[in-house]
C-alpha atoms as a PDB file:
ATOM      1  CA  MET A   1      -6.629  18.969 -16.162  1.00  0.00           C
ATOM      2  CA  LEU A   2      -7.510  20.095 -13.065  1.00  0.00           C
ATOM      3  CA  PRO A   3      -5.138  21.632 -10.497  1.00  0.00           C
ATOM      4  CA  THR A   4      -5.806  20.579  -6.989  1.00  0.00           C
ATOM      5  CA  PRO A   5      -7.376  17.209  -6.438  1.00  0.00           C
ATOM      6  CA  PRO A   6     -10.573  16.665  -4.801  1.00  0.00           C
ATOM      7  CA  MET A   7     -11.186  14.355  -1.442  1.00  0.00           C
ATOM      8  CA  LEU A   8     -12.136  11.027  -2.739  1.00  0.00           C
ATOM      9  CA  GLU A   9     -13.716   8.070  -0.908  1.00  0.00           C
ATOM     10  CA  THR A  10     -13.987   4.411  -0.285  1.00  0.00           C
ATOM     11  CA  PRO A  11     -15.688   2.154   1.733  1.00  0.00           C
ATOM     12  CA  ARG A  12     -12.861   2.489   3.919  1.00  0.00           C
ATOM     13  CA  LEU A  13     -11.240   5.452   3.209  1.00  0.00           C
ATOM     14  CA  TRP A  14     -10.284   8.979   2.823  1.00  0.00           C
ATOM     15  CA  LEU A  15      -8.502  10.185   0.265  1.00  0.00           C
ATOM     16  CA  ARG A  16      -6.974  13.667   1.368  1.00  0.00           C
ATOM     17  CA  PRO A  17      -5.543  15.564  -0.839  1.00  0.00           C
ATOM     18  CA  LEU A  18      -1.670  16.258   0.193  1.00  0.00           C
ATOM     19  CA  GLU A  19      -0.865  19.982   2.067  1.00  0.00           C
ATOM     20  CA  ILE A  20       1.960  20.489   3.528  1.00  0.00           C
ATOM     21  CA  ALA A  21       0.798  20.213   7.387  1.00  0.00           C
ATOM     22  CA  ASP A  22       1.028  16.355   6.788  1.00  0.00           C
ATOM     23  CA  ALA A  23       4.447  16.509   6.299  1.00  0.00           C
ATOM     24  CA  PRO A  24       5.600  15.756   9.911  1.00  0.00           C
ATOM     25  CA  HIS A  25       3.336  13.234  10.514  1.00  0.00           C
ATOM     26  CA  ILE A  26       4.576  11.273   7.009  1.00  0.00           C
ATOM     27  CA  GLN A  27       8.228  11.871   8.772  1.00  0.00           C
ATOM     28  CA  GLN A  28       7.398   9.618  11.445  1.00  0.00           C
ATOM     29  CA  ILE A  29       6.086   6.689   9.544  1.00  0.00           C
ATOM     30  CA  PHE A  30       7.505   6.691   5.753  1.00  0.00           C
ATOM     31  CA  PRO A  31      11.229   6.121   6.581  1.00  0.00           C
ATOM     32  CA  GLN A  32      10.654   2.468   6.724  1.00  0.00           C
ATOM     33  CA  TRP A  33      12.883  -0.051   4.983  1.00  0.00           C
ATOM     34  CA  GLU A  34       9.784  -2.512   4.100  1.00  0.00           C
ATOM     35  CA  ILE A  35       7.858   0.694   2.447  1.00  0.00           C
ATOM     36  CA  VAL A  36      11.015   1.798   0.399  1.00  0.00           C
ATOM     37  CA  LYS A  37      12.967  -0.694  -0.608  1.00  0.00           C
ATOM     38  CA  HIS A  38      10.989  -1.339  -3.991  1.00  0.00           C
ATOM     39  CA  LEU A  39      10.422   2.649  -4.546  1.00  0.00           C
ATOM     40  CA  THR A  40      12.376   4.381  -7.010  1.00  0.00           C
ATOM     41  CA  SER A  41      15.709   5.163  -5.920  1.00  0.00           C
ATOM     42  CA  GLN A  42      15.644   9.014  -6.398  1.00  0.00           C
ATOM     43  CA  ILE A  43      13.692   8.625  -2.786  1.00  0.00           C
ATOM     44  CA  PRO A  44      17.484   9.390  -0.715  1.00  0.00           C
ATOM     45  CA  TRP A  45      18.220   6.700   1.685  1.00  0.00           C
ATOM     46  CA  PRO A  46      18.809   7.027   4.704  1.00  0.00           C
ATOM     47  CA  TYR A  47      15.922   9.223   4.590  1.00  0.00           C
ATOM     48  CA  PRO A  48      16.926  12.890   5.503  1.00  0.00           C
ATOM     49  CA  ALA A  49      14.884  14.505   8.708  1.00  0.00           C
ATOM     50  CA  ASP A  50      13.419  16.988   6.176  1.00  0.00           C
ATOM     51  CA  GLY A  51      12.886  14.353   3.374  1.00  0.00           C
ATOM     52  CA  ALA A  52       8.562  14.770   3.756  1.00  0.00           C
ATOM     53  CA  LEU A  53       8.657  18.678   4.063  1.00  0.00           C
ATOM     54  CA  SER A  54      11.222  18.935   1.337  1.00  0.00           C
ATOM     55  CA  TYR A  55       9.766  16.972  -1.317  1.00  0.00           C
ATOM     56  CA  TYR A  56       6.330  18.554  -0.662  1.00  0.00           C
ATOM     57  CA  ARG A  57       7.008  22.041  -0.354  1.00  0.00           C
ATOM     58  CA  ASP A  58       9.854  21.508  -3.454  1.00  0.00           C
ATOM     59  CA  LEU A  59       7.975  19.065  -5.581  1.00  0.00           C
ATOM     60  CA  ALA A  60       4.834  17.515  -5.155  1.00  0.00           C
ATOM     61  CA  LEU A  61       2.805  20.845  -3.890  1.00  0.00           C
ATOM     62  CA  PRO A  62       4.185  23.084  -6.790  1.00  0.00           C
ATOM     63  CA  ALA A  63       3.507  19.835  -9.357  1.00  0.00           C
ATOM     64  CA  MET A  64       0.061  19.758  -8.193  1.00  0.00           C
ATOM     65  CA  ALA A  65      -0.594  23.681  -8.785  1.00  0.00           C
ATOM     66  CA  ARG A  66       0.791  22.751 -11.970  1.00  0.00           C
ATOM     67  CA  GLY A  67      -1.947  20.431 -12.780  1.00  0.00           C
ATOM     68  CA  GLU A  68       1.037  17.399 -13.615  1.00  0.00           C
ATOM     69  CA  GLN A  69       0.682  15.595 -10.587  1.00  0.00           C
ATOM     70  CA  TRP A  70      -2.397  14.562  -7.890  1.00  0.00           C
ATOM     71  CA  HIS A  71      -1.237  13.668  -4.044  1.00  0.00           C
ATOM     72  CA  TRP A  72      -3.705  11.979  -1.598  1.00  0.00           C
ATOM     73  CA  THR A  73      -3.101  10.746   2.102  1.00  0.00           C
ATOM     74  CA  LEU A  74      -4.560   8.043   2.808  1.00  0.00           C
ATOM     75  CA  ARG A  75      -6.783   8.032   6.221  1.00  0.00           C
ATOM     76  CA  ARG A  76      -8.816   5.168   7.647  1.00  0.00           C
ATOM     77  CA  LYS A  77     -12.481   6.421   8.211  1.00  0.00           C
ATOM     78  CA  ALA A  78     -12.235   5.033  11.736  1.00  0.00           C
ATOM     79  CA  GLN A  79      -9.099   7.600  12.758  1.00  0.00           C
ATOM     80  CA  PRO A  80      -9.450  10.269   9.941  1.00  0.00           C
ATOM     81  CA  GLU A  81      -6.207  12.052  11.704  1.00  0.00           C
ATOM     82  CA  THR A  82      -4.153   9.469  11.057  1.00  0.00           C
ATOM     83  CA  ILE A  83      -2.154   8.841   8.206  1.00  0.00           C
ATOM     84  CA  ILE A  84      -1.563   5.350   6.885  1.00  0.00           C
ATOM     85  CA  GLY A  85      -0.399   5.882   3.625  1.00  0.00           C
ATOM     86  CA  ALA A  86      -0.213   7.789   0.099  1.00  0.00           C
ATOM     87  CA  ILE A  87      -1.070   7.175  -3.696  1.00  0.00           C
ATOM     88  CA  ALA A  88      -0.332   9.955  -6.688  1.00  0.00           C
ATOM     89  CA  LEU A  89      -1.215  10.309  -9.889  1.00  0.00           C
ATOM     90  CA  LEU A  90       1.460  11.442 -12.461  1.00  0.00           C
ATOM     91  CA  VAL A  91       1.220  12.905 -15.817  1.00  0.00           C
ATOM     92  CA  GLU A  92       4.257  12.853 -16.840  1.00  0.00           C
ATOM     93  CA  GLY A  93       6.943   9.783 -17.567  1.00  0.00           C
ATOM     94  CA  GLU A  94       6.028   5.996 -18.032  1.00  0.00           C
ATOM     95  CA  THR A  95       4.505   5.702 -14.451  1.00  0.00           C
ATOM     96  CA  ASN A  96       1.097   7.051 -13.809  1.00  0.00           C
ATOM     97  CA  ARG A  97       1.063   6.050 -10.243  1.00  0.00           C
ATOM     98  CA  GLY A  98       2.483   5.077  -7.608  1.00  0.00           C
ATOM     99  CA  PHE A  99       1.233   4.559  -3.486  1.00  0.00           C
ATOM    100  CA  TRP A 100       2.859   3.558  -0.552  1.00  0.00           C
ATOM    101  CA  LEU A 101       1.132   1.918   3.051  1.00  0.00           C
ATOM    102  CA  ASP A 102       2.100   1.609   6.623  1.00  0.00           C
ATOM    103  CA  PRO A 103       3.239  -2.091   7.119  1.00  0.00           C
ATOM    104  CA  ALA A 104       0.607  -2.166   9.729  1.00  0.00           C
ATOM    105  CA  TRP A 105      -2.252  -1.942   7.284  1.00  0.00           C
ATOM    106  CA  GLN A 106      -1.332  -3.932   4.687  1.00  0.00           C
ATOM    107  CA  ARG A 107      -2.850  -6.978   3.138  1.00  0.00           C
ATOM    108  CA  GLN A 108      -6.376  -5.642   4.062  1.00  0.00           C
ATOM    109  CA  GLY A 109      -7.662  -4.283   0.807  1.00  0.00           C
ATOM    110  CA  LEU A 110      -7.016  -0.848   1.496  1.00  0.00           C
ATOM    111  CA  MET A 111      -4.900   0.405  -1.245  1.00  0.00           C
ATOM    112  CA  THR A 112      -6.885  -1.755  -3.688  1.00  0.00           C
ATOM    113  CA  GLU A 113      -9.683   0.691  -2.551  1.00  0.00           C
ATOM    114  CA  ALA A 114      -7.551   3.808  -3.220  1.00  0.00           C
ATOM    115  CA  ALA A 115      -6.303   2.503  -6.238  1.00  0.00           C
ATOM    116  CA  GLU A 116      -9.652   1.940  -7.872  1.00  0.00           C
ATOM    117  CA  ALA A 117     -10.791   5.064  -6.482  1.00  0.00           C
ATOM    118  CA  VAL A 118      -7.831   6.623  -8.189  1.00  0.00           C
ATOM    119  CA  THR A 119      -8.295   5.156 -11.235  1.00  0.00           C
ATOM    120  CA  HIS A 120     -11.733   6.563 -11.122  1.00  0.00           C
ATOM    121  CA  PHE A 121     -10.286   9.912 -11.219  1.00  0.00           C
ATOM    122  CA  TRP A 122      -7.609   9.613 -13.416  1.00  0.00           C
ATOM    123  CA  PHE A 123     -10.506   7.966 -15.964  1.00  0.00           C
ATOM    124  CA  GLU A 124     -13.082   9.976 -15.649  1.00  0.00           C
ATOM    125  CA  GLU A 125     -12.043  13.269 -14.167  1.00  0.00           C
ATOM    126  CA  LEU A 126      -8.970  13.746 -16.548  1.00  0.00           C
ATOM    127  CA  ARG A 127     -10.029  11.989 -19.090  1.00  0.00           C
ATOM    128  CA  MET A 128      -6.925   9.924 -19.356  1.00  0.00           C
ATOM    129  CA  PRO A 129      -6.678   7.281 -21.917  1.00  0.00           C
ATOM    130  CA  THR A 130      -4.471   4.949 -20.410  1.00  0.00           C
ATOM    131  CA  LEU A 131      -2.911   4.475 -17.085  1.00  0.00           C
ATOM    132  CA  ARG A 132       0.345   2.351 -16.412  1.00  0.00           C
ATOM    133  CA  THR A 133       2.192   1.675 -13.322  1.00  0.00           C
ATOM    134  CA  SER A 134       5.976  -0.472 -12.920  1.00  0.00           C
ATOM    135  CA  LYS A 135       7.024  -1.952  -9.609  1.00  0.00           C
ATOM    136  CA  ALA A 136       9.637  -4.284  -9.076  1.00  0.00           C
ATOM    137  CA  THR A 137       8.399  -7.611  -9.937  1.00  0.00           C
ATOM    138  CA  ALA A 138       9.373  -8.560  -6.075  1.00  0.00           C
ATOM    139  CA  ASN A 139       6.954  -6.565  -5.120  1.00  0.00           C
ATOM    140  CA  LEU A 140       4.166  -8.912  -4.892  1.00  0.00           C
ATOM    141  CA  GLY A 141       1.612  -6.980  -2.995  1.00  0.00           C
ATOM    142  CA  SER A 142       1.748  -3.906  -6.067  1.00  0.00           C
ATOM    143  CA  ARG A 143       1.759  -6.643  -8.312  1.00  0.00           C
ATOM    144  CA  ARG A 144      -1.552  -7.933  -7.301  1.00  0.00           C
ATOM    145  CA  ILE A 145      -3.127  -4.556  -7.304  1.00  0.00           C
ATOM    146  CA  SER A 146      -2.464  -4.382 -10.405  1.00  0.00           C
ATOM    147  CA  GLU A 147      -3.875  -8.055 -11.067  1.00  0.00           C
ATOM    148  CA  LYS A 148      -7.660  -7.131  -9.098  1.00  0.00           C
ATOM    149  CA  THR A 149      -7.808  -4.050 -10.801  1.00  0.00           C
ATOM    150  CA  GLY A 150      -8.090  -5.115 -14.300  1.00  0.00           C
ATOM    151  CA  MET A 151      -4.577  -4.627 -15.423  1.00  0.00           C
ATOM    152  CA  ARG A 152      -1.982  -6.303 -17.631  1.00  0.00           C
ATOM    153  CA  LEU A 153       1.504  -6.710 -17.715  1.00  0.00           C
ATOM    154  CA  ILE A 154       2.957  -5.045 -20.951  1.00  0.00           C
ATOM    155  CA  GLU A 155       6.792  -5.484 -20.322  1.00  0.00           C
ATOM    156  CA  THR A 156       9.447  -6.125 -18.216  1.00  0.00           C
ATOM    157  CA  LYS A 157      12.923  -4.892 -18.053  1.00  0.00           C
ATOM    158  CA  GLU A 158      16.007  -3.695 -15.038  1.00  0.00           C
ATOM    159  CA  SER A 159      14.887  -0.396 -12.699  1.00  0.00           C
ATOM    160  CA  ASP A 160      16.445   1.076  -9.872  1.00  0.00           C
ATOM    161  CA  TYR A 161      14.952   0.865  -6.378  1.00  0.00           C
ATOM    162  CA  VAL A 162      16.015   2.135  -3.219  1.00  0.00           C
ATOM    163  CA  SER A 163      17.571  -1.439  -2.515  1.00  0.00           C
ATOM    164  CA  GLY A 164      19.642  -1.532  -5.995  1.00  0.00           C
ATOM    165  CA  ARG A 165      18.773  -2.287  -9.663  1.00  0.00           C
ATOM    166  CA  LEU A 166      15.877  -5.056  -9.689  1.00  0.00           C
ATOM    167  CA  PRO A 167      13.567  -6.668 -12.403  1.00  0.00           C
ATOM    168  CA  THR A 168      10.774  -4.373 -13.253  1.00  0.00           C
ATOM    169  CA  GLU A 169       7.409  -5.048 -14.740  1.00  0.00           C
ATOM    170  CA  MET A 170       5.464  -2.764 -16.695  1.00  0.00           C
ATOM    171  CA  TRP A 171       1.548  -2.574 -16.295  1.00  0.00           C
ATOM    172  CA  GLU A 172      -1.291  -1.045 -17.989  1.00  0.00           C
ATOM    173  CA  ILE A 173      -4.689  -0.556 -18.185  1.00  0.00           C
ATOM    174  CA  THR A 174      -7.195   1.587 -20.883  1.00  0.00           C
ATOM    175  CA  ALA A 175      -9.542   3.661 -20.036  1.00  0.00           C
ATOM    176  CA  GLU A 176     -12.150   0.834 -22.369  1.00  0.00           C
ATOM    177  CA  GLU A 177     -10.702  -1.591 -20.664  1.00  0.00           C
ATOM    178  CA  TRP A 178     -11.379  -0.496 -17.242  1.00  0.00           C
ATOM    179  CA  ARG A 179     -14.911   0.854 -18.263  1.00  0.00           C
ATOM    180  CA  ALA A 180     -15.701  -2.210 -19.698  1.00  0.00           C
ATOM    181  CA  GLN A 181     -13.996  -4.116 -16.215  1.00  0.00           C
ATOM    182  CA  LYS A 182     -16.664  -1.786 -14.510  1.00  0.00           C
ATOM    183  CA  LEU A 183     -19.653  -3.009 -16.926  1.00  0.00           C
ATOM    184  CA  ARG A 184     -19.525  -6.367 -16.327  1.00  0.00           C
ATOM    185  CA  ALA A 185     -18.869  -5.737 -12.272  1.00  0.00           C
ATOM    186  CA  SER A 186     -22.019  -4.400 -12.063  1.00  0.00           C
ATOM    187  CA  HIS A 187     -23.815  -6.859 -14.062  1.00  0.00           C
ATOM    188  CA  THR A 188     -22.399  -9.749 -12.019  1.00  0.00           C
ATOM    189  CA  VAL A 189     -23.773  -7.425  -8.581  1.00  0.00           C
END
């Protein structure tokens, strides 16, 4: 496992590895109901004034140092100092990828770009066999990203979110499926 994630690049984004200095900026944009309502109920709500700092310092950065998680902030190439969201990969648990994006930047395909970049990292650098993600069924934007990136629905159940207990979808893609999809896409270009 790679202990530190590399900087990743998409056509419009820089995905920078998370660092403690990002916490104040995240603290300003993250605590929005539109962002957190479909995130895991482990996220405290109302979000505490030191929520980002505590999460980074006590959970995310130590997990990155152990090589169990990889976290990036999303920044538009046009404004590389401004964080607009975050994306993470996690080895343990039933969900391997999670993300959020400032509502001002949603519906522009930016998170699909970020998801493609970290999925490439998951399969090609980390050599993981399968990528799974879960989402509230009501989170249609996240569902579209799973569909666009070739994932398939494998299970429905209920899970706890910041907004309460909701129907949940589990999505999955294998390394073989992902590589086959990339190969097909390269032949149609």
